[in-house]
C-alpha atoms as a PDB file:
ATOM      1  CA  MET A   1      25.354   6.070 -16.933  1.00  0.00           C
ATOM      2  CA  ASN A   2      24.048   2.525 -16.588  1.00  0.00           C
ATOM      3  CA  ASN A   3      20.307   3.152 -16.387  1.00  0.00           C
ATOM      4  CA  LYS A   4      19.199  -0.280 -15.183  1.00  0.00           C
ATOM      5  CA  ILE A   5      17.692  -0.406 -11.690  1.00  0.00           C
ATOM      6  CA  ILE A   6      15.675  -2.957  -9.795  1.00  0.00           C
ATOM      7  CA  ILE A   7      12.791  -2.323  -7.427  1.00  0.00           C
ATOM      8  CA  ILE A   8      12.403  -5.220  -5.001  1.00  0.00           C
ATOM      9  CA  ASN A   9       9.271  -5.693  -2.906  1.00  0.00           C
ATOM     10  CA  GLY A  10       9.027  -8.087   0.013  1.00  0.00           C
ATOM     11  CA  PRO A  11       6.255 -10.082   1.632  1.00  0.00           C
ATOM     12  CA  ASN A  12       2.588  -9.116   1.447  1.00  0.00           C
ATOM     13  CA  LEU A  13       3.156  -6.113  -0.802  1.00  0.00           C
ATOM     14  CA  ASN A  14       1.384  -8.050  -3.558  1.00  0.00           C
ATOM     15  CA  LEU A  15      -1.785  -7.477  -1.471  1.00  0.00           C
ATOM     16  CA  LEU A  16      -1.623  -3.685  -1.508  1.00  0.00           C
ATOM     17  CA  GLY A  17      -5.110  -2.236  -1.775  1.00  0.00           C
ATOM     18  CA  GLU A  18      -6.519  -5.134   0.226  1.00  0.00           C
ATOM     19  CA  ARG A  19      -4.546  -4.904   3.451  1.00  0.00           C
ATOM     20  CA  GLU A  20      -4.433  -2.272   6.180  1.00  0.00           C
ATOM     21  CA  GLN A  21      -5.366   0.705   4.060  1.00  0.00           C
ATOM     22  CA  SER A  22      -4.841   2.954   7.084  1.00  0.00           C
ATOM     23  CA  GLN A  23      -1.116   2.087   6.863  1.00  0.00           C
ATOM     24  CA  TYR A  24      -0.633   1.408   3.158  1.00  0.00           C
ATOM     25  CA  GLY A  25      -3.353   3.339   1.342  1.00  0.00           C
ATOM     26  CA  SER A  26      -5.702   2.036  -1.328  1.00  0.00           C
ATOM     27  CA  ILE A  27      -3.306   1.717  -4.267  1.00  0.00           C
ATOM     28  CA  THR A  28      -3.055  -1.785  -5.699  1.00  0.00           C
ATOM     29  CA  PHE A  29       0.240  -3.495  -6.402  1.00  0.00           C
ATOM     30  CA  GLU A  30      -0.424  -3.433 -10.149  1.00  0.00           C
ATOM     31  CA  LYS A  31      -1.203   0.309 -10.089  1.00  0.00           C
ATOM     32  CA  LEU A  32       1.938   0.956  -8.043  1.00  0.00           C
ATOM     33  CA  LYS A  33       3.969  -1.052 -10.548  1.00  0.00           C
ATOM     34  CA  LYS A  34       2.487   0.905 -13.468  1.00  0.00           C
ATOM     35  CA  ASN A  35       3.209   4.240 -11.759  1.00  0.00           C
ATOM     36  CA  CYS A  36       6.824   3.201 -11.138  1.00  0.00           C
ATOM     37  CA  LEU A  37       7.377   1.946 -14.669  1.00  0.00           C
ATOM     38  CA  ASP A  38       5.845   5.119 -16.130  1.00  0.00           C
ATOM     39  CA  LYS A  39       8.027   7.406 -13.968  1.00  0.00           C
ATOM     40  CA  SER A  40      11.131   5.371 -14.719  1.00  0.00           C
ATOM     41  CA  LYS A  41      10.514   5.552 -18.450  1.00  0.00           C
ATOM     42  CA  GLU A  42       9.991   9.324 -18.179  1.00  0.00           C
ATOM     43  CA  LEU A  43      13.392   9.617 -16.453  1.00  0.00           C
ATOM     44  CA  GLY A  44      15.166   7.321 -18.890  1.00  0.00           C
ATOM     45  CA  LEU A  45      15.603   4.452 -16.456  1.00  0.00           C
ATOM     46  CA  ASN A  46      15.194   0.799 -17.347  1.00  0.00           C
ATOM     47  CA  VAL A  47      13.434  -0.830 -14.386  1.00  0.00           C
ATOM     48  CA  ASN A  48      12.796  -4.373 -13.262  1.00  0.00           C
ATOM     49  CA  PHE A  49       9.927  -4.359 -10.717  1.00  0.00           C
ATOM     50  CA  THR A  50       9.656  -7.549  -8.686  1.00  0.00           C
ATOM     51  CA  GLN A  51       8.041  -8.987  -5.557  1.00  0.00           C
ATOM     52  CA  SER A  52       8.347 -12.152  -3.494  1.00  0.00           C
ATOM     53  CA  ASN A  53       6.960 -13.442  -0.234  1.00  0.00           C
ATOM     54  CA  ILE A  54       9.878 -15.854   0.130  1.00  0.00           C
ATOM     55  CA  GLU A  55      13.052 -14.750   1.901  1.00  0.00           C
ATOM     56  CA  GLY A  56      15.399 -17.042  -0.043  1.00  0.00           C
ATOM     57  CA  GLU A  57      13.997 -15.851  -3.367  1.00  0.00           C
ATOM     58  CA  LEU A  58      14.663 -12.260  -2.328  1.00  0.00           C
ATOM     59  CA  VAL A  59      18.239 -13.159  -1.376  1.00  0.00           C
ATOM     60  CA  ASN A  60      18.717 -14.775  -4.802  1.00  0.00           C
ATOM     61  CA  ILE A  61      17.270 -11.712  -6.565  1.00  0.00           C
ATOM     62  CA  ILE A  62      19.571  -9.386  -4.613  1.00  0.00           C
ATOM     63  CA  GLN A  63      22.623 -11.536  -5.339  1.00  0.00           C
ATOM     64  CA  GLU A  64      21.848 -11.714  -9.077  1.00  0.00           C
ATOM     65  CA  SER A  65      21.241  -7.962  -9.173  1.00  0.00           C
ATOM     66  CA  ARG A  66      24.948  -7.312  -8.586  1.00  0.00           C
ATOM     67  CA  LYS A  67      25.633  -8.373 -12.179  1.00  0.00           C
ATOM     68  CA  ASN A  68      22.803  -6.577 -13.957  1.00  0.00           C
ATOM     69  CA  PHE A  69      21.765  -3.393 -12.162  1.00  0.00           C
ATOM     70  CA  ALA A  70      23.372  -0.062 -11.312  1.00  0.00           C
ATOM     71  CA  GLY A  71      21.043   0.666  -8.417  1.00  0.00           C
ATOM     72  CA  MET A  72      18.401  -0.886  -6.202  1.00  0.00           C
ATOM     73  CA  ILE A  73      15.276   0.295  -4.437  1.00  0.00           C
ATOM     74  CA  ILE A  74      14.069  -2.184  -1.833  1.00  0.00           C
ATOM     75  CA  ASN A  75      10.977  -2.389   0.299  1.00  0.00           C
ATOM     76  CA  ALA A  76      11.933  -5.465   2.294  1.00  0.00           C
ATOM     77  CA  ALA A  77       8.628  -5.172   4.207  1.00  0.00           C
ATOM     78  CA  ALA A  78       8.555  -7.444   7.277  1.00  0.00           C
ATOM     79  CA  PHE A  79      11.986  -8.868   6.412  1.00  0.00           C
ATOM     80  CA  THR A  80      13.399  -5.404   7.201  1.00  0.00           C
ATOM     81  CA  HIS A  81      13.093  -6.284  10.874  1.00  0.00           C
ATOM     82  CA  THR A  82      14.083  -9.952  10.798  1.00  0.00           C
ATOM     83  CA  SER A  83      16.347 -10.987   7.936  1.00  0.00           C
ATOM     84  CA  VAL A  84      20.075 -11.084   8.437  1.00  0.00           C
ATOM     85  CA  ALA A  85      20.242 -13.038   5.147  1.00  0.00           C
ATOM     86  CA  ILE A  86      18.752 -10.112   3.209  1.00  0.00           C
ATOM     87  CA  ARG A  87      21.041  -7.694   5.036  1.00  0.00           C
ATOM     88  CA  ASP A  88      24.086  -9.792   4.116  1.00  0.00           C
ATOM     89  CA  ALA A  89      23.028 -10.000   0.461  1.00  0.00           C
ATOM     90  CA  LEU A  90      22.478  -6.227   0.318  1.00  0.00           C
ATOM     91  CA  SER A  91      25.909  -5.578   1.816  1.00  0.00           C
ATOM     92  CA  LEU A  92      27.439  -7.338  -1.214  1.00  0.00           C
ATOM     93  CA  PHE A  93      25.636  -5.123  -3.750  1.00  0.00           C
ATOM     94  CA  LYS A  94      28.214  -2.261  -3.504  1.00  0.00           C
ATOM     95  CA  LYS A  95      26.078   0.154  -5.551  1.00  0.00           C
ATOM     96  CA  PRO A  96      23.395   2.684  -4.555  1.00  0.00           C
ATOM     97  CA  ILE A  97      20.534   1.188  -2.531  1.00  0.00           C
ATOM     98  CA  ILE A  98      17.467   3.058  -1.327  1.00  0.00           C
ATOM     99  CA  GLU A  99      15.438   1.510   1.488  1.00  0.00           C
ATOM    100  CA  LEU A 100      11.755   2.272   1.106  1.00  0.00           C
ATOM    101  CA  HIS A 101       8.686   1.826   3.291  1.00  0.00           C
ATOM    102  CA  ILE A 102       5.157   2.993   2.534  1.00  0.00           C
ATOM    103  CA  SER A 103       4.417   3.466   6.227  1.00  0.00           C
ATOM    104  CA  ASN A 104       6.689   5.157   8.742  1.00  0.00           C
ATOM    105  CA  ILE A 105       8.184   2.143  10.475  1.00  0.00           C
ATOM    106  CA  TYR A 106       9.471   4.407  13.251  1.00  0.00           C
ATOM    107  CA  LYS A 107       5.913   5.369  14.246  1.00  0.00           C
ATOM    108  CA  ARG A 108       4.606   1.797  14.365  1.00  0.00           C
ATOM    109  CA  GLU A 109       4.866  -1.107  16.786  1.00  0.00           C
ATOM    110  CA  GLU A 110       8.161  -1.358  18.646  1.00  0.00           C
ATOM    111  CA  PHE A 111       9.260  -4.502  16.782  1.00  0.00           C
ATOM    112  CA  ARG A 112       8.884  -2.653  13.445  1.00  0.00           C
ATOM    113  CA  GLN A 113      11.036   0.278  14.544  1.00  0.00           C
ATOM    114  CA  LYS A 114      14.317  -1.580  14.036  1.00  0.00           C
ATOM    115  CA  SER A 115      15.621  -1.879  10.492  1.00  0.00           C
ATOM    116  CA  LEU A 116      18.409  -4.389   9.980  1.00  0.00           C
ATOM    117  CA  ILE A 117      19.292  -2.753   6.655  1.00  0.00           C
ATOM    118  CA  SER A 118      19.216   1.023   7.277  1.00  0.00           C
ATOM    119  CA  ASP A 119      22.871   1.247   8.195  1.00  0.00           C
ATOM    120  CA  ILE A 120      24.084  -0.406   4.977  1.00  0.00           C
ATOM    121  CA  VAL A 121      21.895   1.372   2.407  1.00  0.00           C
ATOM    122  CA  THR A 122      22.630   4.682   0.706  1.00  0.00           C
ATOM    123  CA  GLY A 123      19.450   6.314   2.015  1.00  0.00           C
ATOM    124  CA  GLY A 124      15.861   5.732   2.993  1.00  0.00           C
ATOM    125  CA  ILE A 125      12.319   6.949   2.401  1.00  0.00           C
ATOM    126  CA  PHE A 126       9.714   6.196   5.070  1.00  0.00           C
ATOM    127  CA  GLY A 127       6.069   7.044   5.629  1.00  0.00           C
ATOM    128  CA  LEU A 128       5.298   8.927   2.416  1.00  0.00           C
ATOM    129  CA  GLY A 129       2.910   6.324   1.065  1.00  0.00           C
ATOM    130  CA  ALA A 130       3.124   5.001  -2.465  1.00  0.00           C
ATOM    131  CA  GLU A 131       4.548   8.385  -3.515  1.00  0.00           C
ATOM    132  CA  GLY A 132       7.743   7.265  -1.764  1.00  0.00           C
ATOM    133  CA  TYR A 133       8.396   4.945  -4.699  1.00  0.00           C
ATOM    134  CA  ILE A 134       8.327   7.880  -7.119  1.00  0.00           C
ATOM    135  CA  LEU A 135      10.649   9.876  -4.873  1.00  0.00           C
ATOM    136  CA  ALA A 136      12.995   6.887  -4.650  1.00  0.00           C
ATOM    137  CA  ILE A 137      13.087   6.558  -8.445  1.00  0.00           C
ATOM    138  CA  ILE A 138      13.882  10.257  -8.833  1.00  0.00           C
ATOM    139  CA  SER A 139      16.568  10.010  -6.149  1.00  0.00           C
ATOM    140  CA  MET A 140      18.079   6.922  -7.750  1.00  0.00           C
ATOM    141  CA  GLN A 141      18.310   8.647 -11.102  1.00  0.00           C
ATOM    142  CA  LYS A 142      20.178  11.517  -9.442  1.00  0.00           C
ATOM    143  CA  LEU A 143      22.483   9.122  -7.596  1.00  0.00           C
ATOM    144  CA  LEU A 144      23.337   7.357 -10.832  1.00  0.00           C
ATOM    145  CA  LYS A 145      24.055  10.697 -12.511  1.00  0.00           C
ATOM    146  CA  ASN A 146      26.106  11.764  -9.467  1.00  0.00           C
ATOM    147  CA  GLU A 147      23.757  14.689  -8.819  1.00  0.00           C
ATOM    148  CA  ASN A 148      23.013  13.842  -5.157  1.00  0.00           C
END
């Protein structure tokens, strides 16, 4: 099993703990990163945890990931609802992808209820807070071991 995965975070997630705590909780981005790296290490996964506010950078990261990673967890944040470029890059990945959102996008404003990527990913986790990242890591490990 290739144990290398990437966790990609989109715009404004670097401000976790500061923004809309009613939607995103009080965890900081650095604490979230630490929790993910700790869980990944416990499960024997080698994880790259990254974030960008720039759509083109995210597209480049996704494209490069095809060569280096066996699986991807992505919280595309606001780009979930707007970026055909990110959708197109994800469709080229051809390996397990888990879409992740801290809040339940389907219980939010109407414009947030449409995901442009849900139909091309392996699965999704929505509305379970920062714990969703841990669940996604566990699920990815199982996908890579063909246990799901």
